[in-house]
Amino acid sequence: MSALPTVKPVFTLQATATFDQEIKKSRFRATAGPIANEQAARAFVAAHSDAAANHNCFAWRIGQVYRFSDDGEPSGTGGKPILQAIDGQALDGVAVVVTRWFGGILLGSGGLVRAYGGTAAACLRAMDRIELVARVTARVACVFTDLALVRARLAAAPGVRIDEETFVETGAELLVALPEAGAEAIARMLIDITAGRTRVGFDT
């Protein structure tokens, strides 16, 4: 059996937290937290933006989907550095709002990038995080006589989740979530222990 591929771990945040700092008389506050979907991301941004502040720049990422906003700051100086702070710490399912109360001193484009990105990064670095396990969906079809064994082996494999079980004339079909890094090895194991009677197909 070949070695399992190495997958870079990805994390999300355990809870919501804030971080404040002052830069040349402007006050910056980063609020970061976990989000489950785009609707939650929009709600998070709305809940943690201060209408009385000068700017509420934000960024969020959920898998391959991301959004960011400079909220009136020069293009590329607010939202993008925040997104880079999220990506730079291998985070997913995370939103960050950085609010600025202007203190009267202009920071310039480079200064704004450092201020927004740095405030977001400092907030994220201090937070507790949870490792996310990338999963793939598989359909496992087995005969009745193998069902107990297949269930037991799936239950014993770390990171496996059985989402659905449907009975058909010949046996059962299971919809399972497998850790991406070990999915093929688990599929081979199920086929081997049932002498080839089990079929495993991956959703694309």
N, C-alpha and C. Protein backbone atom coordinates (compact mmCIF):
# COMPACT_ATOMS: atom_id res chain seq x y z
N MET A 1 0.85 -1.18 0.00
CA MET A 1 0.00 0.00 0.00
C MET A 1 0.89 1.24 0.00
N SER A 2 0.58 2.20 -0.87
CA SER A 2 1.42 3.40 -0.97
C SER A 2 1.18 4.32 0.22
N ALA A 3 2.16 5.15 0.49
CA ALA A 3 2.04 6.10 1.61
C ALA A 3 0.97 7.13 1.30
N LEU A 4 0.28 7.56 2.33
CA LEU A 4 -0.76 8.58 2.14
C LEU A 4 -0.10 9.92 1.84
N PRO A 5 -0.74 10.73 0.98
CA PRO A 5 -0.16 12.03 0.67
C PRO A 5 -0.19 12.97 1.87
N THR A 6 0.79 13.84 1.93
CA THR A 6 0.83 14.84 3.00
C THR A 6 -0.06 16.02 2.61
N VAL A 7 -0.99 16.36 3.50
CA VAL A 7 -1.90 17.48 3.24
C VAL A 7 -1.62 18.57 4.28
N LYS A 8 -1.42 19.78 3.82
CA LYS A 8 -1.15 20.88 4.73
C LYS A 8 -2.37 21.13 5.60
N PRO A 9 -2.22 21.14 6.93
CA PRO A 9 -3.39 21.34 7.78
C PRO A 9 -4.00 22.73 7.61
N VAL A 10 -5.31 22.77 7.72
CA VAL A 10 -6.06 24.03 7.64
C VAL A 10 -6.85 24.17 8.93
N PHE A 11 -6.98 25.40 9.41
CA PHE A 11 -7.61 25.62 10.71
C PHE A 11 -8.77 26.61 10.58
N THR A 12 -9.66 26.55 11.56
CA THR A 12 -10.64 27.61 11.73
C THR A 12 -10.55 28.10 13.17
N LEU A 13 -11.28 29.14 13.48
CA LEU A 13 -11.21 29.73 14.83
C LEU A 13 -12.24 29.09 15.75
N GLN A 14 -11.89 29.05 17.04
CA GLN A 14 -12.78 28.43 18.01
C GLN A 14 -13.89 29.38 18.45
N ALA A 15 -13.60 30.67 18.46
CA ALA A 15 -14.58 31.65 18.94
C ALA A 15 -14.25 33.01 18.33
N THR A 16 -15.03 34.01 18.69
CA THR A 16 -14.81 35.38 18.20
C THR A 16 -13.99 36.17 19.22
N ALA A 17 -13.05 36.98 18.73
CA ALA A 17 -12.22 37.79 19.62
C ALA A 17 -11.86 39.10 18.93
N THR A 18 -11.36 40.04 19.73
CA THR A 18 -10.97 41.34 19.18
C THR A 18 -9.54 41.68 19.59
N PHE A 19 -8.95 42.60 18.82
CA PHE A 19 -7.61 43.09 19.11
C PHE A 19 -7.57 44.56 18.73
N ASP A 20 -7.08 45.41 19.65
CA ASP A 20 -7.03 46.86 19.42
C ASP A 20 -5.58 47.34 19.41
N GLN A 21 -5.30 48.29 18.54
CA GLN A 21 -4.02 48.99 18.62
C GLN A 21 -4.18 50.39 18.01
N GLU A 22 -3.26 51.28 18.43
CA GLU A 22 -3.26 52.65 17.91
C GLU A 22 -2.02 52.84 17.03
N ILE A 23 -2.24 53.39 15.84
CA ILE A 23 -1.14 53.66 14.91
C ILE A 23 -1.26 55.09 14.44
N LYS A 24 -0.30 55.92 14.84
CA LYS A 24 -0.28 57.34 14.48
C LYS A 24 -1.64 58.00 14.72
N LYS A 25 -2.13 57.81 15.95
CA LYS A 25 -3.36 58.42 16.44
C LYS A 25 -4.65 57.84 15.85
N SER A 26 -4.56 56.94 14.86
CA SER A 26 -5.75 56.23 14.39
C SER A 26 -5.90 54.96 15.24
N ARG A 27 -7.14 54.67 15.62
CA ARG A 27 -7.40 53.46 16.39
C ARG A 27 -7.91 52.37 15.46
N PHE A 28 -7.33 51.20 15.56
CA PHE A 28 -7.72 50.05 14.74
C PHE A 28 -8.21 48.94 15.66
N ARG A 29 -9.34 48.36 15.31
CA ARG A 29 -9.86 47.21 16.07
C ARG A 29 -10.17 46.08 15.09
N ALA A 30 -9.53 44.94 15.30
CA ALA A 30 -9.84 43.74 14.51
C ALA A 30 -10.79 42.85 15.30
N THR A 31 -11.84 42.40 14.64
CA THR A 31 -12.75 41.40 15.21
C THR A 31 -12.75 40.21 14.28
N ALA A 32 -12.39 39.04 14.78
CA ALA A 32 -12.29 37.84 13.96
C ALA A 32 -13.11 36.72 14.57
N GLY A 33 -13.66 35.87 13.70
CA GLY A 33 -14.44 34.76 14.22
C GLY A 33 -14.74 33.72 13.15
N PRO A 34 -15.26 32.55 13.57
CA PRO A 34 -15.57 31.48 12.62
C PRO A 34 -16.90 31.74 11.92
N ILE A 35 -17.00 31.32 10.67
CA ILE A 35 -18.24 31.43 9.89
C ILE A 35 -18.47 30.12 9.15
N ALA A 36 -19.76 29.77 8.96
CA ALA A 36 -20.09 28.50 8.32
C ALA A 36 -20.43 28.63 6.85
N ASN A 37 -20.92 29.81 6.44
CA ASN A 37 -21.35 29.99 5.05
C ASN A 37 -21.35 31.48 4.72
N GLU A 38 -21.72 31.80 3.47
CA GLU A 38 -21.67 33.20 3.02
C GLU A 38 -22.67 34.06 3.78
N GLN A 39 -23.83 33.51 4.07
CA GLN A 39 -24.83 34.27 4.83
C GLN A 39 -24.29 34.63 6.21
N ALA A 40 -23.62 33.68 6.85
CA ALA A 40 -23.03 33.94 8.17
C ALA A 40 -21.91 34.98 8.06
N ALA A 41 -21.17 34.94 6.95
CA ALA A 41 -20.10 35.92 6.75
C ALA A 41 -20.66 37.34 6.66
N ARG A 42 -21.72 37.50 5.88
CA ARG A 42 -22.34 38.83 5.75
C ARG A 42 -22.91 39.30 7.08
N ALA A 43 -23.52 38.38 7.82
CA ALA A 43 -24.07 38.74 9.13
C ALA A 43 -22.96 39.13 10.10
N PHE A 44 -21.82 38.44 10.04
CA PHE A 44 -20.69 38.74 10.90
C PHE A 44 -20.17 40.15 10.62
N VAL A 45 -20.00 40.47 9.34
CA VAL A 45 -19.51 41.80 8.96
C VAL A 45 -20.47 42.88 9.44
N ALA A 46 -21.76 42.66 9.25
CA ALA A 46 -22.76 43.65 9.67
C ALA A 46 -22.76 43.83 11.19
N ALA A 47 -22.63 42.72 11.91
CA ALA A 47 -22.69 42.77 13.38
C ALA A 47 -21.47 43.45 13.99
N HIS A 48 -20.32 43.37 13.33
CA HIS A 48 -19.08 43.87 13.94
C HIS A 48 -18.53 45.12 13.26
N SER A 49 -19.34 45.74 12.41
CA SER A 49 -18.97 47.04 11.83
C SER A 49 -19.57 48.14 12.69
N ASP A 50 -18.83 49.23 12.84
CA ASP A 50 -19.28 50.37 13.65
C ASP A 50 -19.62 51.53 12.70
N ALA A 51 -20.90 51.86 12.64
CA ALA A 51 -21.35 52.92 11.73
C ALA A 51 -20.73 54.27 12.07
N ALA A 52 -20.28 54.43 13.32
CA ALA A 52 -19.70 55.70 13.74
C ALA A 52 -18.21 55.80 13.39
N ALA A 53 -17.61 54.70 12.95
CA ALA A 53 -16.18 54.70 12.60
C ALA A 53 -16.00 55.23 11.18
N ASN A 54 -14.75 55.54 10.84
CA ASN A 54 -14.46 56.05 9.49
C ASN A 54 -14.49 54.94 8.44
N HIS A 55 -13.96 53.76 8.81
CA HIS A 55 -13.89 52.66 7.84
C HIS A 55 -14.08 51.33 8.57
N ASN A 56 -14.79 50.42 7.90
CA ASN A 56 -14.93 49.04 8.37
C ASN A 56 -14.50 48.12 7.23
N CYS A 57 -13.20 47.88 7.14
CA CYS A 57 -12.68 47.00 6.09
C CYS A 57 -12.82 45.55 6.56
N PHE A 58 -13.04 44.65 5.61
CA PHE A 58 -13.23 43.26 6.02
C PHE A 58 -12.73 42.30 4.95
N ALA A 59 -12.60 41.05 5.37
CA ALA A 59 -12.31 39.94 4.44
C ALA A 59 -12.83 38.67 5.09
N TRP A 60 -13.24 37.74 4.25
CA TRP A 60 -13.60 36.41 4.74
C TRP A 60 -13.31 35.36 3.68
N ARG A 61 -13.07 34.16 4.16
CA ARG A 61 -12.82 33.02 3.25
C ARG A 61 -13.58 31.80 3.73
N ILE A 62 -14.24 31.13 2.76
CA ILE A 62 -14.87 29.83 3.00
C ILE A 62 -14.46 28.95 1.82
N GLY A 63 -13.48 28.10 2.01
CA GLY A 63 -12.98 27.27 0.91
C GLY A 63 -12.42 28.14 -0.20
N GLN A 64 -12.93 27.94 -1.41
CA GLN A 64 -12.45 28.72 -2.55
C GLN A 64 -13.18 30.05 -2.70
N VAL A 65 -14.17 30.30 -1.88
CA VAL A 65 -14.97 31.53 -1.97
C VAL A 65 -14.44 32.55 -0.96
N TYR A 66 -14.20 33.76 -1.43
CA TYR A 66 -13.74 34.81 -0.51
C TYR A 66 -14.28 36.16 -0.98
N ARG A 67 -14.32 37.09 -0.05
CA ARG A 67 -14.71 38.47 -0.36
C ARG A 67 -13.85 39.39 0.50
N PHE A 68 -13.62 40.61 0.00
CA PHE A 68 -12.97 41.62 0.84
C PHE A 68 -13.43 43.00 0.40
N SER A 69 -13.31 43.96 1.30
CA SER A 69 -13.75 45.32 1.01
C SER A 69 -12.81 46.32 1.67
N ASP A 70 -12.49 47.40 0.91
CA ASP A 70 -11.67 48.49 1.45
C ASP A 70 -12.53 49.55 2.14
N ASP A 71 -13.83 49.51 1.96
CA ASP A 71 -14.77 50.43 2.61
C ASP A 71 -14.29 51.88 2.59
N GLY A 72 -13.94 52.37 1.42
CA GLY A 72 -13.58 53.78 1.28
C GLY A 72 -12.10 54.08 1.39
N GLU A 73 -11.30 53.14 1.88
CA GLU A 73 -9.85 53.34 1.90
C GLU A 73 -9.33 53.17 0.46
N PRO A 74 -8.13 53.65 0.14
CA PRO A 74 -7.59 53.46 -1.20
C PRO A 74 -7.58 51.99 -1.60
N SER A 75 -7.86 51.72 -2.87
CA SER A 75 -8.00 50.35 -3.36
C SER A 75 -6.80 49.48 -3.00
N GLY A 76 -7.07 48.32 -2.43
CA GLY A 76 -6.02 47.36 -2.11
C GLY A 76 -5.33 47.57 -0.78
N THR A 77 -5.74 48.59 -0.01
CA THR A 77 -5.03 48.89 1.24
C THR A 77 -5.71 48.33 2.49
N GLY A 78 -6.98 47.88 2.37
CA GLY A 78 -7.70 47.42 3.55
C GLY A 78 -8.08 45.96 3.50
N GLY A 79 -9.03 45.64 2.61
CA GLY A 79 -9.56 44.28 2.56
C GLY A 79 -8.55 43.23 2.16
N LYS A 80 -7.75 43.54 1.14
CA LYS A 80 -6.81 42.53 0.63
C LYS A 80 -5.75 42.16 1.67
N PRO A 81 -5.16 43.12 2.37
CA PRO A 81 -4.20 42.73 3.43
C PRO A 81 -4.84 41.89 4.54
N ILE A 82 -6.11 42.13 4.80
CA ILE A 82 -6.81 41.32 5.82
C ILE A 82 -6.96 39.89 5.31
N LEU A 83 -7.35 39.74 4.03
CA LEU A 83 -7.46 38.41 3.45
C LEU A 83 -6.11 37.70 3.45
N GLN A 84 -5.05 38.43 3.16
CA GLN A 84 -3.71 37.83 3.17
C GLN A 84 -3.32 37.37 4.58
N ALA A 85 -3.80 38.09 5.60
CA ALA A 85 -3.54 37.66 6.98
C ALA A 85 -4.26 36.35 7.29
N ILE A 86 -5.50 36.21 6.78
CA ILE A 86 -6.25 34.97 6.96
C ILE A 86 -5.53 33.82 6.26
N ASP A 87 -5.19 34.03 4.99
CA ASP A 87 -4.54 32.97 4.21
C ASP A 87 -3.14 32.65 4.72
N GLY A 88 -2.44 33.67 5.21
CA GLY A 88 -1.08 33.47 5.70
C GLY A 88 -1.00 32.59 6.93
N GLN A 89 -2.13 32.47 7.65
CA GLN A 89 -2.16 31.61 8.84
C GLN A 89 -2.95 30.33 8.59
N ALA A 90 -3.15 29.99 7.30
CA ALA A 90 -3.81 28.73 6.90
C ALA A 90 -5.17 28.57 7.56
N LEU A 91 -5.97 29.64 7.48
CA LEU A 91 -7.29 29.63 8.10
C LEU A 91 -8.38 29.53 7.04
N ASP A 92 -9.49 28.92 7.40
CA ASP A 92 -10.64 28.78 6.52
C ASP A 92 -11.91 28.91 7.37
N GLY A 93 -13.01 29.31 6.73
CA GLY A 93 -14.24 29.51 7.49
C GLY A 93 -14.07 30.61 8.51
N VAL A 94 -13.42 31.70 8.07
CA VAL A 94 -13.07 32.79 9.00
C VAL A 94 -13.41 34.14 8.37
N ALA A 95 -13.92 35.04 9.19
CA ALA A 95 -14.17 36.42 8.78
C ALA A 95 -13.44 37.36 9.74
N VAL A 96 -12.93 38.47 9.18
CA VAL A 96 -12.25 39.48 9.99
C VAL A 96 -12.74 40.86 9.55
N VAL A 97 -13.14 41.66 10.52
CA VAL A 97 -13.48 43.07 10.28
C VAL A 97 -12.45 43.92 11.01
N VAL A 98 -11.82 44.85 10.30
CA VAL A 98 -10.90 45.79 10.95
C VAL A 98 -11.51 47.18 10.82
N THR A 99 -11.86 47.74 11.96
CA THR A 99 -12.50 49.05 12.04
C THR A 99 -11.45 50.11 12.35
N ARG A 100 -11.56 51.26 11.66
CA ARG A 100 -10.60 52.35 11.88
C ARG A 100 -11.33 53.62 12.28
N TRP A 101 -10.85 54.21 13.37
CA TRP A 101 -11.28 55.54 13.76
C TRP A 101 -10.11 56.48 13.44
N PHE A 102 -10.28 57.34 12.47
CA PHE A 102 -9.20 58.18 11.94
C PHE A 102 -8.73 59.18 13.00
N GLY A 103 -7.39 59.26 13.15
CA GLY A 103 -6.83 60.13 14.17
C GLY A 103 -6.24 61.42 13.65
N GLY A 104 -6.39 61.68 12.34
CA GLY A 104 -5.94 62.95 11.80
C GLY A 104 -4.61 62.90 11.06
N ILE A 105 -3.90 61.78 11.15
CA ILE A 105 -2.61 61.66 10.46
C ILE A 105 -2.75 60.63 9.33
N LEU A 106 -2.43 61.04 8.10
CA LEU A 106 -2.51 60.13 6.95
C LEU A 106 -1.39 59.10 7.03
N LEU A 107 -1.71 57.86 6.73
CA LEU A 107 -0.72 56.78 6.84
C LEU A 107 -0.08 56.45 5.50
N GLY A 108 -0.69 56.87 4.39
CA GLY A 108 -0.16 56.48 3.08
C GLY A 108 -0.55 55.05 2.76
N SER A 109 -0.43 54.68 1.49
CA SER A 109 -0.87 53.34 1.07
C SER A 109 -0.12 52.23 1.80
N GLY A 110 1.20 52.33 1.86
CA GLY A 110 1.99 51.30 2.54
C GLY A 110 1.65 51.20 4.02
N GLY A 111 1.45 52.35 4.64
CA GLY A 111 1.10 52.37 6.05
C GLY A 111 -0.26 51.75 6.31
N LEU A 112 -1.21 51.99 5.41
CA LEU A 112 -2.54 51.40 5.56
C LEU A 112 -2.49 49.89 5.41
N VAL A 113 -1.74 49.41 4.41
CA VAL A 113 -1.59 47.96 4.21
C VAL A 113 -1.03 47.31 5.47
N ARG A 114 0.02 47.91 6.02
CA ARG A 114 0.64 47.36 7.24
C ARG A 114 -0.32 47.44 8.42
N ALA A 115 -1.07 48.54 8.50
CA ALA A 115 -1.98 48.72 9.65
C ALA A 115 -3.13 47.72 9.61
N TYR A 116 -3.79 47.61 8.46
CA TYR A 116 -4.93 46.69 8.37
C TYR A 116 -4.48 45.24 8.43
N GLY A 117 -3.45 44.90 7.63
CA GLY A 117 -2.96 43.53 7.63
C GLY A 117 -2.35 43.14 8.96
N GLY A 118 -1.60 44.05 9.56
CA GLY A 118 -0.94 43.77 10.83
C GLY A 118 -1.91 43.62 11.98
N THR A 119 -2.95 44.47 12.00
CA THR A 119 -3.96 44.37 13.07
C THR A 119 -4.72 43.05 12.96
N ALA A 120 -5.09 42.68 11.72
CA ALA A 120 -5.79 41.41 11.51
C ALA A 120 -4.90 40.24 11.92
N ALA A 121 -3.63 40.25 11.49
CA ALA A 121 -2.71 39.15 11.77
C ALA A 121 -2.47 38.99 13.27
N ALA A 122 -2.31 40.13 13.96
CA ALA A 122 -2.07 40.07 15.41
C ALA A 122 -3.27 39.48 16.14
N CYS A 123 -4.47 39.86 15.70
CA CYS A 123 -5.69 39.31 16.29
C CYS A 123 -5.75 37.80 16.08
N LEU A 124 -5.51 37.36 14.84
CA LEU A 124 -5.62 35.94 14.51
C LEU A 124 -4.56 35.10 15.22
N ARG A 125 -3.35 35.64 15.34
CA ARG A 125 -2.27 34.89 15.99
C ARG A 125 -2.60 34.56 17.44
N ALA A 126 -3.35 35.42 18.10
CA ALA A 126 -3.62 35.25 19.52
C ALA A 126 -4.82 34.34 19.80
N MET A 127 -5.49 33.88 18.75
CA MET A 127 -6.75 33.16 18.94
C MET A 127 -6.57 31.64 18.95
N ASP A 128 -7.47 30.98 19.70
CA ASP A 128 -7.48 29.51 19.70
C ASP A 128 -8.08 29.03 18.39
N ARG A 129 -7.52 27.96 17.85
CA ARG A 129 -7.99 27.45 16.56
C ARG A 129 -8.20 25.95 16.60
N ILE A 130 -8.96 25.48 15.63
CA ILE A 130 -9.30 24.06 15.51
C ILE A 130 -8.88 23.61 14.12
N GLU A 131 -8.23 22.44 14.05
CA GLU A 131 -7.82 21.94 12.74
C GLU A 131 -9.04 21.41 11.98
N LEU A 132 -9.14 21.82 10.72
CA LEU A 132 -10.21 21.32 9.85
C LEU A 132 -9.69 20.12 9.07
N VAL A 133 -10.50 19.09 8.98
CA VAL A 133 -10.13 17.91 8.21
C VAL A 133 -10.85 17.99 6.87
N ALA A 134 -10.08 18.08 5.79
CA ALA A 134 -10.68 18.11 4.46
C ALA A 134 -11.26 16.73 4.17
N ARG A 135 -12.53 16.69 3.76
CA ARG A 135 -13.19 15.41 3.51
C ARG A 135 -13.71 15.32 2.08
N VAL A 136 -13.84 14.11 1.61
CA VAL A 136 -14.47 13.84 0.32
C VAL A 136 -15.66 12.93 0.58
N THR A 137 -16.66 13.02 -0.30
CA THR A 137 -17.87 12.20 -0.16
C THR A 137 -17.72 10.93 -1.00
N ALA A 138 -18.03 9.79 -0.39
CA ALA A 138 -17.96 8.52 -1.09
C ALA A 138 -19.26 7.75 -0.90
N ARG A 139 -19.60 6.93 -1.90
CA ARG A 139 -20.77 6.06 -1.82
C ARG A 139 -20.27 4.62 -1.75
N VAL A 140 -20.64 3.96 -0.67
CA VAL A 140 -20.17 2.59 -0.42
C VAL A 140 -21.35 1.64 -0.56
N ALA A 141 -21.25 0.69 -1.47
CA ALA A 141 -22.30 -0.30 -1.68
C ALA A 141 -21.79 -1.67 -1.25
N CYS A 142 -22.51 -2.31 -0.33
CA CYS A 142 -22.08 -3.63 0.14
C CYS A 142 -23.28 -4.55 0.30
N VAL A 143 -23.00 -5.83 0.33
CA VAL A 143 -24.07 -6.82 0.53
C VAL A 143 -24.37 -6.93 2.02
N PHE A 144 -25.57 -7.49 2.33
CA PHE A 144 -26.00 -7.57 3.72
C PHE A 144 -25.00 -8.29 4.61
N THR A 145 -24.41 -9.36 4.10
CA THR A 145 -23.50 -10.16 4.94
C THR A 145 -22.23 -9.40 5.32
N ASP A 146 -21.89 -8.37 4.54
CA ASP A 146 -20.67 -7.59 4.83
C ASP A 146 -20.97 -6.29 5.59
N LEU A 147 -22.25 -5.95 5.74
CA LEU A 147 -22.61 -4.63 6.26
C LEU A 147 -22.03 -4.36 7.65
N ALA A 148 -22.14 -5.33 8.57
CA ALA A 148 -21.64 -5.11 9.94
C ALA A 148 -20.14 -4.87 9.93
N LEU A 149 -19.41 -5.63 9.11
CA LEU A 149 -17.96 -5.48 9.03
C LEU A 149 -17.59 -4.12 8.43
N VAL A 150 -18.28 -3.74 7.36
CA VAL A 150 -18.00 -2.45 6.72
C VAL A 150 -18.28 -1.30 7.69
N ARG A 151 -19.41 -1.38 8.39
CA ARG A 151 -19.74 -0.33 9.39
C ARG A 151 -18.66 -0.25 10.46
N ALA A 152 -18.23 -1.42 10.96
CA ALA A 152 -17.25 -1.45 12.05
C ALA A 152 -15.92 -0.85 11.60
N ARG A 153 -15.48 -1.19 10.39
CA ARG A 153 -14.20 -0.66 9.90
C ARG A 153 -14.28 0.85 9.65
N LEU A 154 -15.41 1.31 9.14
CA LEU A 154 -15.57 2.75 8.93
C LEU A 154 -15.57 3.49 10.27
N ALA A 155 -16.26 2.91 11.26
CA ALA A 155 -16.33 3.55 12.58
C ALA A 155 -14.96 3.63 13.24
N ALA A 156 -14.09 2.64 12.91
CA ALA A 156 -12.77 2.60 13.54
C ALA A 156 -11.76 3.53 12.86
N ALA A 157 -12.09 3.97 11.65
CA ALA A 157 -11.15 4.82 10.91
C ALA A 157 -11.29 6.27 11.37
N PRO A 158 -10.20 6.93 11.74
CA PRO A 158 -10.29 8.31 12.25
C PRO A 158 -10.78 9.28 11.18
N GLY A 159 -11.65 10.19 11.59
CA GLY A 159 -12.12 11.26 10.70
C GLY A 159 -13.23 10.85 9.75
N VAL A 160 -13.75 9.60 9.86
CA VAL A 160 -14.81 9.12 8.97
C VAL A 160 -16.18 9.42 9.58
N ARG A 161 -17.10 9.83 8.72
CA ARG A 161 -18.47 10.13 9.17
C ARG A 161 -19.45 9.43 8.23
N ILE A 162 -20.38 8.63 8.78
CA ILE A 162 -21.43 8.00 7.97
C ILE A 162 -22.63 8.93 7.98
N ASP A 163 -22.96 9.50 6.83
CA ASP A 163 -24.03 10.51 6.76
C ASP A 163 -25.39 9.92 6.43
N GLU A 164 -25.39 8.78 5.73
CA GLU A 164 -26.68 8.24 5.29
C GLU A 164 -26.53 6.75 5.01
N GLU A 165 -27.61 6.00 5.28
CA GLU A 165 -27.60 4.56 5.02
C GLU A 165 -28.93 4.20 4.37
N THR A 166 -28.86 3.61 3.18
CA THR A 166 -30.06 3.24 2.44
C THR A 166 -30.00 1.75 2.13
N PHE A 167 -31.13 1.05 2.40
CA PHE A 167 -31.18 -0.39 2.10
C PHE A 167 -31.76 -0.60 0.72
N VAL A 168 -31.12 -1.48 -0.03
CA VAL A 168 -31.59 -1.86 -1.36
C VAL A 168 -31.74 -3.38 -1.39
N GLU A 169 -32.19 -3.92 -2.51
CA GLU A 169 -32.45 -5.36 -2.59
C GLU A 169 -31.22 -6.20 -2.28
N THR A 170 -30.07 -5.74 -2.76
CA THR A 170 -28.85 -6.56 -2.61
C THR A 170 -28.09 -6.31 -1.31
N GLY A 171 -28.41 -5.22 -0.62
CA GLY A 171 -27.67 -4.89 0.59
C GLY A 171 -27.91 -3.45 1.03
N ALA A 172 -26.83 -2.71 1.22
CA ALA A 172 -26.95 -1.34 1.70
C ALA A 172 -26.03 -0.41 0.93
N GLU A 173 -26.44 0.83 0.83
CA GLU A 173 -25.60 1.86 0.25
C GLU A 173 -25.38 2.94 1.32
N LEU A 174 -24.13 3.23 1.59
CA LEU A 174 -23.76 4.21 2.61
C LEU A 174 -23.20 5.45 1.95
N LEU A 175 -23.63 6.59 2.42
CA LEU A 175 -23.03 7.86 2.01
C LEU A 175 -22.10 8.28 3.13
N VAL A 176 -20.81 8.33 2.84
CA VAL A 176 -19.83 8.58 3.90
C VAL A 176 -18.91 9.75 3.54
N ALA A 177 -18.45 10.44 4.57
CA ALA A 177 -17.45 11.49 4.40
C ALA A 177 -16.12 10.94 4.89
N LEU A 178 -15.13 10.92 3.99
CA LEU A 178 -13.82 10.36 4.32
C LEU A 178 -12.77 11.46 4.34
N PRO A 179 -11.78 11.38 5.25
CA PRO A 179 -10.69 12.35 5.21
C PRO A 179 -9.97 12.27 3.87
N GLU A 180 -9.80 13.41 3.24
CA GLU A 180 -9.26 13.46 1.89
C GLU A 180 -7.92 12.72 1.76
N ALA A 181 -7.07 12.91 2.76
CA ALA A 181 -5.72 12.34 2.69
C ALA A 181 -5.73 10.82 2.70
N GLY A 182 -6.73 10.20 3.34
CA GLY A 182 -6.73 8.75 3.44
C GLY A 182 -7.87 8.07 2.71
N ALA A 183 -8.62 8.82 1.88
CA ALA A 183 -9.83 8.29 1.26
C ALA A 183 -9.56 7.06 0.40
N GLU A 184 -8.54 7.12 -0.43
CA GLU A 184 -8.27 5.99 -1.32
C GLU A 184 -7.83 4.76 -0.54
N ALA A 185 -7.05 4.95 0.51
CA ALA A 185 -6.60 3.83 1.33
C ALA A 185 -7.79 3.17 2.04
N ILE A 186 -8.74 3.98 2.52
CA ILE A 186 -9.93 3.44 3.18
C ILE A 186 -10.77 2.66 2.18
N ALA A 187 -10.92 3.21 0.96
CA ALA A 187 -11.69 2.51 -0.07
C ALA A 187 -11.07 1.15 -0.40
N ARG A 188 -9.74 1.11 -0.55
CA ARG A 188 -9.05 -0.15 -0.84
C ARG A 188 -9.24 -1.15 0.29
N MET A 189 -9.19 -0.64 1.52
CA MET A 189 -9.35 -1.50 2.69
C MET A 189 -10.74 -2.15 2.69
N LEU A 190 -11.78 -1.39 2.38
CA LEU A 190 -13.14 -1.94 2.37
C LEU A 190 -13.31 -3.00 1.28
N ILE A 191 -12.71 -2.74 0.14
CA ILE A 191 -12.78 -3.71 -0.97
C ILE A 191 -12.02 -4.98 -0.61
N ASP A 192 -10.85 -4.82 0.01
CA ASP A 192 -10.00 -5.98 0.36
C ASP A 192 -10.66 -6.87 1.41
N ILE A 193 -11.24 -6.25 2.47
CA ILE A 193 -11.78 -7.08 3.57
C ILE A 193 -13.06 -7.81 3.16
N THR A 194 -13.68 -7.36 2.05
CA THR A 194 -14.90 -8.04 1.58
C THR A 194 -14.64 -8.82 0.29
N ALA A 195 -13.38 -9.08 0.02
CA ALA A 195 -12.98 -9.87 -1.16
C ALA A 195 -13.56 -9.30 -2.45
N GLY A 196 -13.59 -7.98 -2.53
CA GLY A 196 -14.01 -7.32 -3.77
C GLY A 196 -15.52 -7.17 -3.92
N ARG A 197 -16.29 -7.57 -2.90
CA ARG A 197 -17.75 -7.47 -3.03
C ARG A 197 -18.27 -6.04 -2.82
N THR A 198 -17.48 -5.21 -2.14
CA THR A 198 -17.90 -3.83 -1.86
C THR A 198 -17.44 -2.91 -2.98
N ARG A 199 -18.31 -2.00 -3.37
CA ARG A 199 -17.98 -0.99 -4.38
C ARG A 199 -17.91 0.39 -3.72
N VAL A 200 -16.91 1.16 -4.07
CA VAL A 200 -16.75 2.51 -3.51
C VAL A 200 -16.60 3.50 -4.67
N GLY A 201 -17.46 4.50 -4.69
CA GLY A 201 -17.37 5.55 -5.71
C GLY A 201 -17.29 6.91 -5.05
N PHE A 202 -16.47 7.78 -5.62
CA PHE A 202 -16.29 9.12 -5.05
C PHE A 202 -17.11 10.14 -5.84
N ASP A 203 -17.80 11.03 -5.11
CA ASP A 203 -18.53 12.12 -5.74
C ASP A 203 -17.55 13.15 -6.27
N THR A 204 -17.80 13.68 -7.44
CA THR A 204 -16.91 14.70 -8.01
C THR A 204 -17.60 16.03 -8.03
